[in-house]
Amino acid sequence: MTMAKGYCAEVAVKVADEAMQVHGGYGILEERDVAHYRRNVKVFEIFEGSKEIEKIIIGRKLLGTH
């Protein structure tokens, strides 16, 4: 579960970043949906723990030391 959450959050942020690039200056305007989506997906990376904590959890599970 942790691996899937981390991967999905990473992909969502990359997609939102690309959308901002495609939209150029309009991508950073708060009135636009692109900026709203980017802000929302960034929360996925920190929800339920930071990326670093998730990596520790994944490593422990892989090593069987949880």
PDB file of N, CA and C in Angstrom:
ATOM      1  N   MET A   1       0.826  -1.192   0.000  1.00  0.00           N
ATOM      2  CA  MET A   1       0.000   0.000   0.000  1.00  0.00           C
ATOM      3  C   MET A   1       0.870   1.255   0.000  1.00  0.00           C
ATOM      4  N   THR A   2       1.900   1.249   0.806  1.00  0.00           N
ATOM      5  CA  THR A   2       2.772   2.416   0.888  1.00  0.00           C
ATOM      6  C   THR A   2       3.471   2.670  -0.434  1.00  0.00           C
ATOM      7  N   MET A   3       3.914   1.593  -1.090  1.00  0.00           N
ATOM      8  CA  MET A   3       4.602   1.748  -2.372  1.00  0.00           C
ATOM      9  C   MET A   3       3.665   2.321  -3.422  1.00  0.00           C
ATOM     10  N   ALA A   4       2.440   1.839  -3.463  1.00  0.00           N
ATOM     11  CA  ALA A   4       1.465   2.322  -4.447  1.00  0.00           C
ATOM     12  C   ALA A   4       1.131   3.789  -4.192  1.00  0.00           C
ATOM     13  N   LYS A   5       0.949   4.152  -2.933  1.00  0.00           N
ATOM     14  CA  LYS A   5       0.635   5.537  -2.590  1.00  0.00           C
ATOM     15  C   LYS A   5       1.777   6.469  -2.997  1.00  0.00           C
ATOM     16  N   GLY A   6       2.984   6.063  -2.693  1.00  0.00           N
ATOM     17  CA  GLY A   6       4.143   6.874  -3.046  1.00  0.00           C
ATOM     18  C   GLY A   6       4.288   7.047  -4.543  1.00  0.00           C
ATOM     19  N   TYR A   7       4.108   5.960  -5.271  1.00  0.00           N
ATOM     20  CA  TYR A   7       4.241   6.009  -6.728  1.00  0.00           C
ATOM     21  C   TYR A   7       3.147   6.887  -7.344  1.00  0.00           C
ATOM     22  N   CYS A   8       1.921   6.686  -6.909  1.00  0.00           N
ATOM     23  CA  CYS A   8       0.803   7.470  -7.464  1.00  0.00           C
ATOM     24  C   CYS A   8       0.958   8.953  -7.163  1.00  0.00           C
ATOM     25  N   ALA A   9       1.396   9.281  -5.957  1.00  0.00           N
ATOM     26  CA  ALA A   9       1.607  10.691  -5.604  1.00  0.00           C
ATOM     27  C   ALA A   9       2.707  11.291  -6.471  1.00  0.00           C
ATOM     28  N   GLU A  10       3.778  10.540  -6.685  1.00  0.00           N
ATOM     29  CA  GLU A  10       4.890  11.025  -7.514  1.00  0.00           C
ATOM     30  C   GLU A  10       4.442  11.278  -8.954  1.00  0.00           C
ATOM     31  N   VAL A  11       3.686  10.352  -9.511  1.00  0.00           N
ATOM     32  CA  VAL A  11       3.201  10.502 -10.884  1.00  0.00           C
ATOM     33  C   VAL A  11       2.221  11.673 -10.984  1.00  0.00           C
ATOM     34  N   ALA A  12       1.347  11.813 -10.005  1.00  0.00           N
ATOM     35  CA  ALA A  12       0.379  12.913 -10.029  1.00  0.00           C
ATOM     36  C   ALA A  12       1.088  14.267 -10.003  1.00  0.00           C
ATOM     37  N   VAL A  13       2.133  14.389  -9.202  1.00  0.00           N
ATOM     38  CA  VAL A  13       2.877  15.647  -9.139  1.00  0.00           C
ATOM     39  C   VAL A  13       3.583  15.912 -10.468  1.00  0.00           C
ATOM     40  N   LYS A  14       4.166  14.876 -11.061  1.00  0.00           N
ATOM     41  CA  LYS A  14       4.835  15.047 -12.358  1.00  0.00           C
ATOM     42  C   LYS A  14       3.848  15.497 -13.429  1.00  0.00           C
ATOM     43  N   VAL A  15       2.670  14.904 -13.444  1.00  0.00           N
ATOM     44  CA  VAL A  15       1.649  15.273 -14.431  1.00  0.00           C
ATOM     45  C   VAL A  15       1.196  16.718 -14.215  1.00  0.00           C
ATOM     46  N   ALA A  16       0.982  17.090 -12.960  1.00  0.00           N
ATOM     47  CA  ALA A  16       0.561  18.460 -12.669  1.00  0.00           C
ATOM     48  C   ALA A  16       1.662  19.457 -13.050  1.00  0.00           C
ATOM     49  N   ASP A  17       2.915  19.099 -12.800  1.00  0.00           N
ATOM     50  CA  ASP A  17       4.030  19.974 -13.198  1.00  0.00           C
ATOM     51  C   ASP A  17       4.078  20.143 -14.717  1.00  0.00           C
ATOM     52  N   GLU A  18       3.889  19.058 -15.438  1.00  0.00           N
ATOM     53  CA  GLU A  18       3.871  19.130 -16.902  1.00  0.00           C
ATOM     54  C   GLU A  18       2.717  19.996 -17.394  1.00  0.00           C
ATOM     55  N   ALA A  19       1.562  19.861 -16.757  1.00  0.00           N
ATOM     56  CA  ALA A  19       0.401  20.679 -17.144  1.00  0.00           C
ATOM     57  C   ALA A  19       0.703  22.159 -16.932  1.00  0.00           C
ATOM     58  N   MET A  20       1.383  22.478 -15.844  1.00  0.00           N
ATOM     59  CA  MET A  20       1.749  23.877 -15.594  1.00  0.00           C
ATOM     60  C   MET A  20       2.710  24.372 -16.667  1.00  0.00           C
ATOM     61  N   GLN A  21       3.640  23.526 -17.095  1.00  0.00           N
ATOM     62  CA  GLN A  21       4.578  23.899 -18.145  1.00  0.00           C
ATOM     63  C   GLN A  21       3.846  24.149 -19.465  1.00  0.00           C
ATOM     64  N   VAL A  22       2.906  23.272 -19.784  1.00  0.00           N
ATOM     65  CA  VAL A  22       2.154  23.395 -21.030  1.00  0.00           C
ATOM     66  C   VAL A  22       1.343  24.692 -21.051  1.00  0.00           C
ATOM     67  N   HIS A  23       0.774  25.035 -19.911  1.00  0.00           N
ATOM     68  CA  HIS A  23      -0.071  26.231 -19.841  1.00  0.00           C
ATOM     69  C   HIS A  23       0.739  27.514 -19.665  1.00  0.00           C
ATOM     70  N   GLY A  24       2.032  27.394 -19.433  1.00  0.00           N
ATOM     71  CA  GLY A  24       2.878  28.574 -19.313  1.00  0.00           C
ATOM     72  C   GLY A  24       2.472  29.454 -18.148  1.00  0.00           C
ATOM     73  N   GLY A  25       2.422  30.759 -18.380  1.00  0.00           N
ATOM     74  CA  GLY A  25       2.085  31.716 -17.337  1.00  0.00           C
ATOM     75  C   GLY A  25       0.705  31.504 -16.743  1.00  0.00           C
ATOM     76  N   TYR A  26      -0.219  31.006 -17.551  1.00  0.00           N
ATOM     77  CA  TYR A  26      -1.563  30.742 -17.039  1.00  0.00           C
ATOM     78  C   TYR A  26      -1.566  29.591 -16.034  1.00  0.00           C
ATOM     79  N   GLY A  27      -0.573  28.728 -16.119  1.00  0.00           N
ATOM     80  CA  GLY A  27      -0.513  27.576 -15.220  1.00  0.00           C
ATOM     81  C   GLY A  27      -0.275  27.931 -13.772  1.00  0.00           C
ATOM     82  N   ILE A  28       0.271  29.119 -13.508  1.00  0.00           N
ATOM     83  CA  ILE A  28       0.542  29.496 -12.128  1.00  0.00           C
ATOM     84  C   ILE A  28      -0.526  30.398 -11.519  1.00  0.00           C
ATOM     85  N   LEU A  29      -1.457  30.845 -12.345  1.00  0.00           N
ATOM     86  CA  LEU A  29      -2.518  31.706 -11.831  1.00  0.00           C
ATOM     87  C   LEU A  29      -3.484  30.904 -10.972  1.00  0.00           C
ATOM     88  N   GLU A  30      -3.744  31.397  -9.780  1.00  0.00           N
ATOM     89  CA  GLU A  30      -4.610  30.685  -8.835  1.00  0.00           C
ATOM     90  C   GLU A  30      -6.047  30.547  -9.342  1.00  0.00           C
ATOM     91  N   GLU A  31      -6.447  31.407 -10.269  1.00  0.00           N
ATOM     92  CA  GLU A  31      -7.810  31.321 -10.798  1.00  0.00           C
ATOM     93  C   GLU A  31      -7.975  30.138 -11.750  1.00  0.00           C
ATOM     94  N   ARG A  32      -6.887  29.582 -12.207  1.00  0.00           N
ATOM     95  CA  ARG A  32      -6.924  28.480 -13.173  1.00  0.00           C
ATOM     96  C   ARG A  32      -6.942  27.131 -12.464  1.00  0.00           C
ATOM     97  N   ASP A  33      -7.575  26.159 -13.104  1.00  0.00           N
ATOM     98  CA  ASP A  33      -7.661  24.814 -12.534  1.00  0.00           C
ATOM     99  C   ASP A  33      -6.291  24.156 -12.391  1.00  0.00           C
ATOM    100  N   VAL A  34      -5.376  24.474 -13.296  1.00  0.00           N
ATOM    101  CA  VAL A  34      -4.057  23.826 -13.270  1.00  0.00           C
ATOM    102  C   VAL A  34      -3.344  24.101 -11.945  1.00  0.00           C
ATOM    103  N   ALA A  35      -3.334  25.335 -11.502  1.00  0.00           N
ATOM    104  CA  ALA A  35      -2.691  25.681 -10.233  1.00  0.00           C
ATOM    105  C   ALA A  35      -3.403  24.995  -9.068  1.00  0.00           C
ATOM    106  N   HIS A  36      -4.701  24.909  -9.152  1.00  0.00           N
ATOM    107  CA  HIS A  36      -5.494  24.242  -8.108  1.00  0.00           C
ATOM    108  C   HIS A  36      -5.130  22.761  -8.031  1.00  0.00           C
ATOM    109  N   TYR A  37      -5.059  22.086  -9.171  1.00  0.00           N
ATOM    110  CA  TYR A  37      -4.699  20.664  -9.203  1.00  0.00           C
ATOM    111  C   TYR A  37      -3.286  20.442  -8.687  1.00  0.00           C
ATOM    112  N   ARG A  38      -2.364  21.314  -9.084  1.00  0.00           N
ATOM    113  CA  ARG A  38      -0.971  21.177  -8.643  1.00  0.00           C
ATOM    114  C   ARG A  38      -0.867  21.282  -7.132  1.00  0.00           C
ATOM    115  N   ARG A  39      -1.572  22.224  -6.562  1.00  0.00           N
ATOM    116  CA  ARG A  39      -1.564  22.397  -5.111  1.00  0.00           C
ATOM    117  C   ARG A  39      -2.171  21.180  -4.415  1.00  0.00           C
ATOM    118  N   ASN A  40      -3.254  20.648  -4.973  1.00  0.00           N
ATOM    119  CA  ASN A  40      -3.907  19.495  -4.365  1.00  0.00           C
ATOM    120  C   ASN A  40      -3.052  18.233  -4.420  1.00  0.00           C
ATOM    121  N   VAL A  41      -2.397  17.982  -5.558  1.00  0.00           N
ATOM    122  CA  VAL A  41      -1.609  16.754  -5.657  1.00  0.00           C
ATOM    123  C   VAL A  41      -0.352  16.831  -4.812  1.00  0.00           C
ATOM    124  N   LYS A  42       0.159  18.014  -4.569  1.00  0.00           N
ATOM    125  CA  LYS A  42       1.334  18.152  -3.708  1.00  0.00           C
ATOM    126  C   LYS A  42       1.020  17.659  -2.302  1.00  0.00           C
ATOM    127  N   VAL A  43      -0.225  17.818  -1.880  1.00  0.00           N
ATOM    128  CA  VAL A  43      -0.646  17.336  -0.565  1.00  0.00           C
ATOM    129  C   VAL A  43      -0.550  15.812  -0.497  1.00  0.00           C
ATOM    130  N   PHE A  44      -0.784  15.117  -1.606  1.00  0.00           N
ATOM    131  CA  PHE A  44      -0.694  13.653  -1.618  1.00  0.00           C
ATOM    132  C   PHE A  44       0.690  13.169  -1.199  1.00  0.00           C
ATOM    133  N   GLU A  45       1.717  13.936  -1.516  1.00  0.00           N
ATOM    134  CA  GLU A  45       3.081  13.533  -1.165  1.00  0.00           C
ATOM    135  C   GLU A  45       3.334  13.586   0.338  1.00  0.00           C
ATOM    136  N   ILE A  46       2.643  14.472   1.040  1.00  0.00           N
ATOM    137  CA  ILE A  46       2.903  14.608   2.468  1.00  0.00           C
ATOM    138  C   ILE A  46       1.806  14.013   3.347  1.00  0.00           C
ATOM    139  N   PHE A  47       0.677  13.671   2.749  1.00  0.00           N
ATOM    140  CA  PHE A  47      -0.418  13.073   3.504  1.00  0.00           C
ATOM    141  C   PHE A  47       0.016  11.699   4.008  1.00  0.00           C
ATOM    142  N   GLU A  48      -0.257  11.385   5.242  1.00  0.00           N
ATOM    143  CA  GLU A  48       0.115  10.124   5.887  1.00  0.00           C
ATOM    144  C   GLU A  48       1.626   9.955   6.008  1.00  0.00           C
ATOM    145  N   GLY A  49       2.370  11.023   6.084  1.00  0.00           N
ATOM    146  CA  GLY A  49       3.818  10.927   6.273  1.00  0.00           C
ATOM    147  C   GLY A  49       4.578  11.445   5.079  1.00  0.00           C
ATOM    148  N   SER A  50       5.766  11.912   5.350  1.00  0.00           N
ATOM    149  CA  SER A  50       6.585  12.455   4.276  1.00  0.00           C
ATOM    150  C   SER A  50       7.140  11.343   3.398  1.00  0.00           C
ATOM    151  N   LYS A  51       7.719  11.720   2.273  1.00  0.00           N
ATOM    152  CA  LYS A  51       8.306  10.743   1.356  1.00  0.00           C
ATOM    153  C   LYS A  51       9.426   9.969   2.032  1.00  0.00           C
ATOM    154  N   GLU A  52      10.191  10.638   2.881  1.00  0.00           N
ATOM    155  CA  GLU A  52      11.304   9.980   3.549  1.00  0.00           C
ATOM    156  C   GLU A  52      10.813   8.894   4.505  1.00  0.00           C
ATOM    157  N   ILE A  53       9.753   9.190   5.238  1.00  0.00           N
ATOM    158  CA  ILE A  53       9.184   8.202   6.158  1.00  0.00           C
ATOM    159  C   ILE A  53       8.632   7.020   5.371  1.00  0.00           C
ATOM    160  N   GLU A  54       7.973   7.291   4.243  1.00  0.00           N
ATOM    161  CA  GLU A  54       7.441   6.209   3.416  1.00  0.00           C
ATOM    162  C   GLU A  54       8.565   5.306   2.913  1.00  0.00           C
ATOM    163  N   LYS A  55       9.684   5.891   2.538  1.00  0.00           N
ATOM    164  CA  LYS A  55      10.818   5.093   2.064  1.00  0.00           C
ATOM    165  C   LYS A  55      11.363   4.203   3.171  1.00  0.00           C
ATOM    166  N   ILE A  56      11.378   4.707   4.400  1.00  0.00           N
ATOM    167  CA  ILE A  56      11.824   3.891   5.538  1.00  0.00           C
ATOM    168  C   ILE A  56      10.862   2.719   5.748  1.00  0.00           C
ATOM    169  N   ILE A  57       9.564   2.996   5.678  1.00  0.00           N
ATOM    170  CA  ILE A  57       8.554   1.937   5.855  1.00  0.00           C
ATOM    171  C   ILE A  57       8.713   0.879   4.776  1.00  0.00           C
ATOM    172  N   ILE A  58       8.879   1.302   3.525  1.00  0.00           N
ATOM    173  CA  ILE A  58       9.043   0.360   2.406  1.00  0.00           C
ATOM    174  C   ILE A  58      10.302  -0.467   2.617  1.00  0.00           C
ATOM    175  N   GLY A  59      11.404   0.178   2.994  1.00  0.00           N
ATOM    176  CA  GLY A  59      12.652  -0.545   3.212  1.00  0.00           C
ATOM    177  C   GLY A  59      12.532  -1.574   4.317  1.00  0.00           C
ATOM    178  N   ARG A  60      11.871  -1.224   5.398  1.00  0.00           N
ATOM    179  CA  ARG A  60      11.675  -2.180   6.499  1.00  0.00           C
ATOM    180  C   ARG A  60      10.837  -3.377   6.064  1.00  0.00           C
ATOM    181  N   LYS A  61       9.790  -3.109   5.286  1.00  0.00           N
ATOM    182  CA  LYS A  61       8.948  -4.216   4.812  1.00  0.00           C
ATOM    183  C   LYS A  61       9.721  -5.130   3.875  1.00  0.00           C
ATOM    184  N   LEU A  62      10.534  -4.533   2.999  1.00  0.00           N
ATOM    185  CA  LEU A  62      11.318  -5.345   2.068  1.00  0.00           C
ATOM    186  C   LEU A  62      12.370  -6.186   2.801  1.00  0.00           C
ATOM    187  N   LEU A  63      12.932  -5.638   3.867  1.00  0.00           N
ATOM    188  CA  LEU A  63      13.946  -6.353   4.632  1.00  0.00           C
ATOM    189  C   LEU A  63      13.356  -7.258   5.705  1.00  0.00           C
ATOM    190  N   GLY A  64      12.052  -7.124   5.932  1.00  0.00           N
ATOM    191  CA  GLY A  64      11.385  -7.953   6.922  1.00  0.00           C
ATOM    192  C   GLY A  64      11.695  -7.528   8.351  1.00  0.00           C
ATOM    193  N   THR A  65      11.998  -6.248   8.553  1.00  0.00           N
ATOM    194  CA  THR A  65      12.337  -5.750   9.886  1.00  0.00           C
ATOM    195  C   THR A  65      11.295  -4.775  10.409  1.00  0.00           C
ATOM    196  N   HIS A  66      10.053  -4.966  10.058  1.00  0.00           N
ATOM    197  CA  HIS A  66       9.002  -4.052  10.516  1.00  0.00           C
ATOM    198  C   HIS A  66       8.543  -4.549  11.843  1.00  0.00           C
TER     199      HIS A  66
END
